[in-house]
Amino acid sequence: MVPWMRSLWRLLPDEDGPTAVEYAVMLALIITFCLAAIGAIGVNTNGNFESLSSRLSSS
């Protein structure tokens, strides 16, 4: 049998590939959640600073 084919047959029952894909999907979801949370916090903080700035300038 050809050596590369032997390697392929050894890889088929190996479950490291699907596990790596699952970790990559989880990492992508975590990064997406973090970016959304940071964006929401940034918008809220920006609104608070603008409100505070307008209050300080009017006094």
N, C-alpha and C. Protein backbone atom coordinates (compact mmCIF):
# COMPACT_ATOMS: atom_id res chain seq x y z
N MET A 1 0.85 -1.19 0.00
CA MET A 1 0.00 0.00 0.00
C MET A 1 0.90 1.24 0.00
N VAL A 2 0.43 2.27 -0.64
CA VAL A 2 1.18 3.52 -0.75
C VAL A 2 1.31 4.15 0.64
N PRO A 3 2.48 4.70 0.99
CA PRO A 3 2.67 5.27 2.34
C PRO A 3 1.69 6.37 2.71
N TRP A 4 1.35 7.25 1.78
CA TRP A 4 0.42 8.33 2.11
C TRP A 4 -0.97 7.79 2.36
N MET A 5 -1.31 6.67 1.73
CA MET A 5 -2.61 6.08 1.94
C MET A 5 -2.69 5.43 3.32
N ARG A 6 -1.57 4.85 3.77
CA ARG A 6 -1.53 4.30 5.12
C ARG A 6 -1.74 5.39 6.15
N SER A 7 -1.12 6.54 5.92
CA SER A 7 -1.30 7.67 6.83
C SER A 7 -2.75 8.13 6.86
N LEU A 8 -3.38 8.16 5.70
CA LEU A 8 -4.78 8.56 5.62
C LEU A 8 -5.67 7.60 6.40
N TRP A 9 -5.43 6.31 6.26
CA TRP A 9 -6.24 5.32 6.97
C TRP A 9 -6.04 5.42 8.48
N ARG A 10 -4.84 5.85 8.92
CA ARG A 10 -4.60 6.03 10.36
C ARG A 10 -5.30 7.27 10.89
N LEU A 11 -5.49 8.27 10.05
CA LEU A 11 -6.12 9.51 10.48
C LEU A 11 -7.64 9.41 10.59
N LEU A 12 -8.24 8.52 9.84
CA LEU A 12 -9.70 8.43 9.82
C LEU A 12 -10.31 8.16 11.19
N PRO A 13 -9.81 7.21 11.99
CA PRO A 13 -10.43 7.02 13.31
C PRO A 13 -9.98 8.05 14.34
N ASP A 14 -8.99 8.86 14.00
CA ASP A 14 -8.48 9.87 14.93
C ASP A 14 -9.51 10.98 15.08
N GLU A 15 -9.80 11.39 16.31
CA GLU A 15 -10.82 12.41 16.56
C GLU A 15 -10.23 13.75 16.93
N ASP A 16 -8.95 13.96 16.69
CA ASP A 16 -8.34 15.25 16.99
C ASP A 16 -8.83 16.34 16.05
N GLY A 17 -9.09 16.01 14.81
CA GLY A 17 -9.57 17.00 13.85
C GLY A 17 -10.92 17.60 14.24
N PRO A 18 -11.94 16.78 14.47
CA PRO A 18 -13.23 17.33 14.89
C PRO A 18 -13.16 18.10 16.20
N THR A 19 -12.31 17.65 17.11
CA THR A 19 -12.17 18.35 18.38
C THR A 19 -11.60 19.75 18.15
N ALA A 20 -10.62 19.85 17.27
CA ALA A 20 -10.03 21.15 16.96
C ALA A 20 -11.07 22.07 16.32
N VAL A 21 -11.91 21.53 15.48
CA VAL A 21 -12.96 22.32 14.85
C VAL A 21 -13.96 22.80 15.90
N GLU A 22 -14.31 21.95 16.83
CA GLU A 22 -15.24 22.35 17.90
C GLU A 22 -14.64 23.47 18.74
N TYR A 23 -13.36 23.37 19.06
CA TYR A 23 -12.71 24.44 19.82
C TYR A 23 -12.67 25.74 19.02
N ALA A 24 -12.45 25.65 17.73
CA ALA A 24 -12.41 26.84 16.89
C ALA A 24 -13.78 27.51 16.84
N VAL A 25 -14.84 26.72 16.76
CA VAL A 25 -16.20 27.28 16.74
C VAL A 25 -16.51 27.94 18.09
N MET A 26 -16.14 27.29 19.19
CA MET A 26 -16.36 27.89 20.51
C MET A 26 -15.59 29.19 20.66
N LEU A 27 -14.35 29.21 20.19
CA LEU A 27 -13.54 30.42 20.27
C LEU A 27 -14.16 31.55 19.45
N ALA A 28 -14.67 31.22 18.27
CA ALA A 28 -15.32 32.24 17.43
C ALA A 28 -16.56 32.80 18.13
N LEU A 29 -17.34 31.95 18.77
CA LEU A 29 -18.53 32.42 19.49
C LEU A 29 -18.15 33.29 20.68
N ILE A 30 -17.11 32.91 21.40
CA ILE A 30 -16.67 33.70 22.55
C ILE A 30 -16.17 35.07 22.09
N ILE A 31 -15.40 35.10 21.02
CA ILE A 31 -14.88 36.37 20.50
C ILE A 31 -16.03 37.25 20.03
N THR A 32 -17.01 36.67 19.35
CA THR A 32 -18.16 37.44 18.89
C THR A 32 -18.92 38.04 20.07
N PHE A 33 -19.14 37.24 21.11
CA PHE A 33 -19.84 37.72 22.30
C PHE A 33 -19.06 38.85 22.97
N CYS A 34 -17.75 38.68 23.09
CA CYS A 34 -16.92 39.72 23.73
C CYS A 34 -16.95 41.02 22.93
N LEU A 35 -16.86 40.94 21.62
CA LEU A 35 -16.90 42.15 20.79
C LEU A 35 -18.25 42.86 20.91
N ALA A 36 -19.33 42.09 20.95
CA ALA A 36 -20.65 42.69 21.10
C ALA A 36 -20.79 43.36 22.47
N ALA A 37 -20.28 42.70 23.51
CA ALA A 37 -20.36 43.27 24.85
C ALA A 37 -19.52 44.54 24.96
N ILE A 38 -18.33 44.51 24.41
CA ILE A 38 -17.47 45.70 24.44
C ILE A 38 -18.11 46.84 23.67
N GLY A 39 -18.72 46.53 22.54
CA GLY A 39 -19.41 47.57 21.76
C GLY A 39 -20.56 48.18 22.54
N ALA A 40 -21.35 47.36 23.20
CA ALA A 40 -22.49 47.86 23.97
C ALA A 40 -22.01 48.71 25.15
N ILE A 41 -20.98 48.26 25.83
CA ILE A 41 -20.45 49.02 26.96
C ILE A 41 -19.87 50.34 26.48
N GLY A 42 -19.21 50.31 25.32
CA GLY A 42 -18.63 51.54 24.77
C GLY A 42 -19.68 52.57 24.43
N VAL A 43 -20.79 52.15 23.84
CA VAL A 43 -21.86 53.08 23.49
C VAL A 43 -22.48 53.66 24.76
N ASN A 44 -22.70 52.83 25.75
CA ASN A 44 -23.27 53.29 27.02
C ASN A 44 -22.33 54.26 27.72
N THR A 45 -21.06 53.95 27.75
CA THR A 45 -20.07 54.82 28.39
C THR A 45 -19.96 56.14 27.66
N ASN A 46 -19.99 56.10 26.35
CA ASN A 46 -19.91 57.32 25.56
C ASN A 46 -21.11 58.22 25.87
N GLY A 47 -22.29 57.65 25.98
CA GLY A 47 -23.48 58.43 26.33
C GLY A 47 -23.36 59.06 27.71
N ASN A 48 -22.81 58.31 28.65
CA ASN A 48 -22.62 58.86 30.00
C ASN A 48 -21.62 60.02 30.00
N PHE A 49 -20.53 59.88 29.25
CA PHE A 49 -19.54 60.96 29.20
C PHE A 49 -20.11 62.21 28.50
N GLU A 50 -20.91 62.01 27.47
CA GLU A 50 -21.51 63.16 26.78
C GLU A 50 -22.50 63.87 27.71
N SER A 51 -23.27 63.11 28.47
CA SER A 51 -24.21 63.70 29.41
C SER A 51 -23.48 64.48 30.50
N LEU A 52 -22.41 63.89 31.03
CA LEU A 52 -21.62 64.56 32.05
C LEU A 52 -20.96 65.81 31.50
N SER A 53 -20.47 65.74 30.28
CA SER A 53 -19.83 66.89 29.65
C SER A 53 -20.80 68.04 29.46
N SER A 54 -22.03 67.74 29.03
CA SER A 54 -23.01 68.78 28.83
C SER A 54 -23.44 69.39 30.17
N ARG A 55 -23.52 68.59 31.20
CA ARG A 55 -23.86 69.11 32.53
C ARG A 55 -22.75 70.02 33.07
N LEU A 56 -21.52 69.62 32.85
CA LEU A 56 -20.39 70.45 33.34
C LEU A 56 -20.27 71.75 32.58
N SER A 57 -20.52 71.72 31.28
CA SER A 57 -20.39 72.94 30.48
C SER A 57 -21.54 73.92 30.76
N SER A 58 -22.70 73.42 31.17
CA SER A 58 -23.81 74.30 31.45
C SER A 58 -23.72 74.92 32.85
N SER A 59 -22.89 74.35 33.74
CA SER A 59 -22.81 74.94 35.08
C SER A 59 -21.86 76.09 35.15
